[in-house]
Amino acid sequence: MDDQLRSLTAELGGTPPPAFATLPPEAVALLAARVRAARSRQSELLDQAFDQTLSAMPLPLRGVVKKVLFS
């Protein structure tokens, strides 16, 4: 398995479909980069959504809600 396919496997968290092995290395590297960027963006959006949700709660409850959700 070449480096690009290993990188894609790591980004996907599992084995990619066998057909991906037939793609040119540049395409596999681009796909891995796009998956990485999409996950990063998703994480940013989830953080923003959580912050917005938390800001709608009364200040005294915010610490308790964080503790309940992330403990």
N, C-alpha and C. Protein backbone atom coordinates (compact mmCIF):
# COMPACT_ATOMS: atom_id res chain seq x y z
N MET A 1 0.85 -1.18 0.00
CA MET A 1 0.00 0.00 0.00
C MET A 1 0.90 1.24 0.00
N ASP A 2 0.64 2.15 -0.91
CA ASP A 2 1.49 3.34 -0.99
C ASP A 2 1.10 4.36 0.08
N ASP A 3 1.93 5.39 0.22
CA ASP A 3 1.74 6.40 1.27
C ASP A 3 0.40 7.13 1.14
N GLN A 4 0.01 7.45 -0.09
CA GLN A 4 -1.25 8.18 -0.27
C GLN A 4 -2.45 7.35 0.17
N LEU A 5 -2.43 6.07 -0.16
CA LEU A 5 -3.53 5.20 0.22
C LEU A 5 -3.54 4.98 1.73
N ARG A 6 -2.37 4.91 2.35
CA ARG A 6 -2.29 4.81 3.81
C ARG A 6 -2.86 6.06 4.47
N SER A 7 -2.53 7.20 3.91
CA SER A 7 -3.04 8.48 4.43
C SER A 7 -4.56 8.53 4.32
N LEU A 8 -5.09 8.11 3.18
CA LEU A 8 -6.54 8.09 3.00
C LEU A 8 -7.20 7.11 3.97
N THR A 9 -6.60 5.96 4.16
CA THR A 9 -7.12 4.97 5.10
C THR A 9 -7.18 5.55 6.51
N ALA A 10 -6.15 6.28 6.89
CA ALA A 10 -6.12 6.91 8.21
C ALA A 10 -7.20 7.98 8.32
N GLU A 11 -7.38 8.77 7.29
CA GLU A 11 -8.39 9.83 7.31
C GLU A 11 -9.80 9.25 7.38
N LEU A 12 -10.03 8.17 6.66
CA LEU A 12 -11.35 7.55 6.66
C LEU A 12 -11.63 6.75 7.92
N GLY A 13 -10.57 6.34 8.61
CA GLY A 13 -10.75 5.52 9.80
C GLY A 13 -11.10 4.08 9.46
N GLY A 14 -10.79 3.68 8.27
CA GLY A 14 -11.08 2.31 7.83
C GLY A 14 -10.55 2.12 6.43
N THR A 15 -10.71 0.94 5.92
CA THR A 15 -10.19 0.61 4.60
C THR A 15 -11.09 1.20 3.52
N PRO A 16 -10.50 1.95 2.59
CA PRO A 16 -11.30 2.49 1.49
C PRO A 16 -11.72 1.36 0.54
N PRO A 17 -12.70 1.63 -0.30
CA PRO A 17 -13.11 0.61 -1.27
C PRO A 17 -11.93 0.19 -2.15
N PRO A 18 -11.89 -1.06 -2.57
CA PRO A 18 -10.78 -1.57 -3.38
C PRO A 18 -10.54 -0.76 -4.66
N ALA A 19 -11.56 -0.19 -5.22
CA ALA A 19 -11.41 0.58 -6.45
C ALA A 19 -10.51 1.80 -6.26
N PHE A 20 -10.40 2.29 -5.03
CA PHE A 20 -9.56 3.45 -4.76
C PHE A 20 -8.09 3.14 -5.05
N ALA A 21 -7.71 1.88 -4.95
CA ALA A 21 -6.32 1.48 -5.21
C ALA A 21 -5.95 1.67 -6.68
N THR A 22 -6.96 1.78 -7.54
CA THR A 22 -6.69 1.96 -8.97
C THR A 22 -6.56 3.43 -9.35
N LEU A 23 -6.87 4.32 -8.43
CA LEU A 23 -6.76 5.76 -8.71
C LEU A 23 -5.29 6.18 -8.76
N PRO A 24 -5.00 7.22 -9.53
CA PRO A 24 -3.63 7.74 -9.53
C PRO A 24 -3.27 8.27 -8.14
N PRO A 25 -2.01 8.20 -7.74
CA PRO A 25 -1.60 8.66 -6.41
C PRO A 25 -2.01 10.10 -6.11
N GLU A 26 -1.99 10.95 -7.13
CA GLU A 26 -2.37 12.35 -6.93
C GLU A 26 -3.85 12.47 -6.55
N ALA A 27 -4.69 11.65 -7.16
CA ALA A 27 -6.13 11.67 -6.86
C ALA A 27 -6.38 11.16 -5.44
N VAL A 28 -5.67 10.14 -5.04
CA VAL A 28 -5.83 9.60 -3.68
C VAL A 28 -5.36 10.63 -2.65
N ALA A 29 -4.26 11.30 -2.93
CA ALA A 29 -3.76 12.34 -2.02
C ALA A 29 -4.75 13.49 -1.93
N LEU A 30 -5.33 13.89 -3.05
CA LEU A 30 -6.32 14.96 -3.06
C LEU A 30 -7.56 14.55 -2.27
N LEU A 31 -7.99 13.32 -2.44
CA LEU A 31 -9.16 12.82 -1.71
C LEU A 31 -8.89 12.82 -0.21
N ALA A 32 -7.71 12.38 0.20
CA ALA A 32 -7.35 12.38 1.62
C ALA A 32 -7.35 13.80 2.17
N ALA A 33 -6.81 14.74 1.39
CA ALA A 33 -6.79 16.14 1.83
C ALA A 33 -8.20 16.70 1.94
N ARG A 34 -9.07 16.35 1.03
CA ARG A 34 -10.46 16.83 1.07
C ARG A 34 -11.21 16.25 2.26
N VAL A 35 -10.98 14.98 2.56
CA VAL A 35 -11.62 14.37 3.72
C VAL A 35 -11.13 15.05 4.99
N ARG A 36 -9.83 15.29 5.08
CA ARG A 36 -9.24 15.97 6.24
C ARG A 36 -9.85 17.37 6.41
N ALA A 37 -9.96 18.11 5.31
CA ALA A 37 -10.53 19.46 5.35
C ALA A 37 -12.00 19.43 5.75
N ALA A 38 -12.74 18.45 5.23
CA ALA A 38 -14.16 18.34 5.56
C ALA A 38 -14.35 18.02 7.04
N ARG A 39 -13.53 17.15 7.58
CA ARG A 39 -13.64 16.83 9.01
C ARG A 39 -13.28 18.02 9.88
N SER A 40 -12.29 18.76 9.45
CA SER A 40 -11.89 19.95 10.19
C SER A 40 -13.02 20.98 10.18
N ARG A 41 -13.61 21.20 9.03
CA ARG A 41 -14.72 22.14 8.90
C ARG A 41 -15.92 21.68 9.73
N GLN A 42 -16.20 20.40 9.71
CA GLN A 42 -17.30 19.86 10.49
C GLN A 42 -17.07 20.10 11.97
N SER A 43 -15.85 19.89 12.41
CA SER A 43 -15.52 20.12 13.82
C SER A 43 -15.71 21.59 14.19
N GLU A 44 -15.27 22.50 13.32
CA GLU A 44 -15.45 23.93 13.56
C GLU A 44 -16.93 24.29 13.66
N LEU A 45 -17.73 23.75 12.75
CA LEU A 45 -19.16 24.06 12.75
C LEU A 45 -19.85 23.50 13.99
N LEU A 46 -19.44 22.32 14.43
CA LEU A 46 -20.02 21.75 15.65
C LEU A 46 -19.67 22.59 16.87
N ASP A 47 -18.42 23.07 16.92
CA ASP A 47 -18.01 23.95 18.02
C ASP A 47 -18.83 25.24 18.02
N GLN A 48 -19.02 25.82 16.84
CA GLN A 48 -19.82 27.04 16.74
C GLN A 48 -21.26 26.80 17.17
N ALA A 49 -21.83 25.70 16.74
CA ALA A 49 -23.21 25.38 17.10
C ALA A 49 -23.34 25.20 18.61
N PHE A 50 -22.37 24.52 19.21
CA PHE A 50 -22.42 24.32 20.64
C PHE A 50 -22.31 25.65 21.38
N ASP A 51 -21.39 26.50 20.94
CA ASP A 51 -21.23 27.81 21.57
C ASP A 51 -22.50 28.64 21.46
N GLN A 52 -23.15 28.60 20.30
CA GLN A 52 -24.39 29.34 20.11
C GLN A 52 -25.50 28.80 21.01
N THR A 53 -25.57 27.50 21.12
CA THR A 53 -26.57 26.88 21.98
C THR A 53 -26.32 27.25 23.43
N LEU A 54 -25.08 27.19 23.83
CA LEU A 54 -24.73 27.50 25.21
C LEU A 54 -25.01 28.98 25.53
N SER A 55 -24.80 29.85 24.56
CA SER A 55 -25.03 31.28 24.82
C SER A 55 -26.50 31.60 25.02
N ALA A 56 -27.39 30.71 24.58
CA ALA A 56 -28.82 30.92 24.78
C ALA A 56 -29.27 30.54 26.19
N MET A 57 -28.42 29.85 26.93
CA MET A 57 -28.77 29.41 28.28
C MET A 57 -28.40 30.49 29.30
N PRO A 58 -29.12 30.52 30.38
CA PRO A 58 -28.76 31.46 31.44
C PRO A 58 -27.34 31.17 31.94
N LEU A 59 -26.62 32.24 32.23
CA LEU A 59 -25.21 32.14 32.63
C LEU A 59 -24.97 31.15 33.77
N PRO A 60 -25.79 31.13 34.83
CA PRO A 60 -25.51 30.18 35.92
C PRO A 60 -25.61 28.70 35.51
N LEU A 61 -26.32 28.41 34.43
CA LEU A 61 -26.49 27.01 34.01
C LEU A 61 -25.41 26.52 33.05
N ARG A 62 -24.67 27.42 32.45
CA ARG A 62 -23.71 27.04 31.40
C ARG A 62 -22.66 26.06 31.89
N GLY A 63 -22.10 26.29 33.07
CA GLY A 63 -21.09 25.38 33.61
C GLY A 63 -21.65 24.00 33.87
N VAL A 64 -22.86 23.96 34.41
CA VAL A 64 -23.51 22.67 34.70
C VAL A 64 -23.78 21.92 33.40
N VAL A 65 -24.27 22.62 32.38
CA VAL A 65 -24.57 21.97 31.11
C VAL A 65 -23.29 21.42 30.47
N LYS A 66 -22.22 22.18 30.49
CA LYS A 66 -20.93 21.69 29.97
C LYS A 66 -20.49 20.42 30.68
N LYS A 67 -20.64 20.45 32.02
CA LYS A 67 -20.22 19.31 32.81
C LYS A 67 -21.03 18.07 32.47
N VAL A 68 -22.34 18.23 32.31
CA VAL A 68 -23.22 17.11 32.00
C VAL A 68 -22.90 16.55 30.61
N LEU A 69 -22.68 17.43 29.65
CA LEU A 69 -22.45 16.98 28.28
C LEU A 69 -21.07 16.38 28.05
N PHE A 70 -20.07 16.86 28.77
CA PHE A 70 -18.69 16.44 28.48
C PHE A 70 -18.02 15.67 29.61
N SER A 71 -18.78 15.18 30.54
CA SER A 71 -18.17 14.38 31.63
C SER A 71 -18.41 12.92 31.43
